[in-house]
């Protein structure tokens, strides 16, 4: 029987169990996928810890790539033998084989490997909606992006360079600064020893930036608001250091009629048409060589708990994959 990582209760990495699972035939609208690479993302730790509630017991993981083994009735977009990747849908990508809704699967174009796709579906599509939809960048802007050497940040560095955007990125160490710069980040700020608000004001000549993209959360708030120019937008899309605490809305008016938003990838990819359009734009950049995304860390699938420990300890950079 195939195996999967499952949890019976929420908590630390120790609650993750390597279990045999029964995987049947796909039903109507479903496909069975044999994974070849599985993405690890911060949202997985939120599901495991209980920050984001899931019915228990449950599988974990929302991103993967592999090969379609079988499809159920009514499925026309994919067929057995297709190389596919996905993000979203029911949790459960931490598995050797799974059945899932076929409308979440994206066929991979020639020239895009399954391992590359498994590093990009959640993080790369997150960058797509952040840069192209939540606060659409046209080129010429100077922006601030927190955690610029992380999985999302590393892709954002490359995507902003492709758009002609000047990116200021915060990082936790000189090693991570070098990674961000290599990916196209124009200015790096080592927040562990530098005041990032002062540095942003210095870099922008006191103007601030029109948008701050933040996947860190609590540790970067409310200081991020002080980096914004009037009518700027703070985009919080993650909680790596914990969620942004409640705050007085009057703070936004006091700091320059600011906007704050908390978007999610699931909203932006809620329709198949949107999912396919976003993925197509991303994969075109990959095929053009403007985005290079390979895992900087890999773990055997059965060692997913260690991957979570390293991710939460900020020992990882870029993307992390589990390999069945």
Foldseek 3Di string as FASTA:
>chain_A
DWWFWKAQDADALVRTAIDDDDADQAAPQKWKFFFFKAFDDPVQNCDRNVVPDDDPTFGTGFKTWGFTCQYYPPDDPDGGGFTWIFGDFGGTRLIRMHMTRPLRIDGDDPPQDRQQRNLCHFLVLVLLCVDPPPPDDQADFEEEEEQLQAANNLQNQLVCVVNNYAYEYEHQDPVSVVSNVVSHHNHYDNVVPDPVLVVLCVVVVNQAGQEYEAAQACVCPPSNLSRHHAQHEYEYAHHLPHHHDDDDPVVCVVSHVYHYDHDYSCVQPVDSVSSNVSVVVSVVCVSVVSGDAHAPEEEASSVVSVVSVCVSVVVGGHIYMHGD
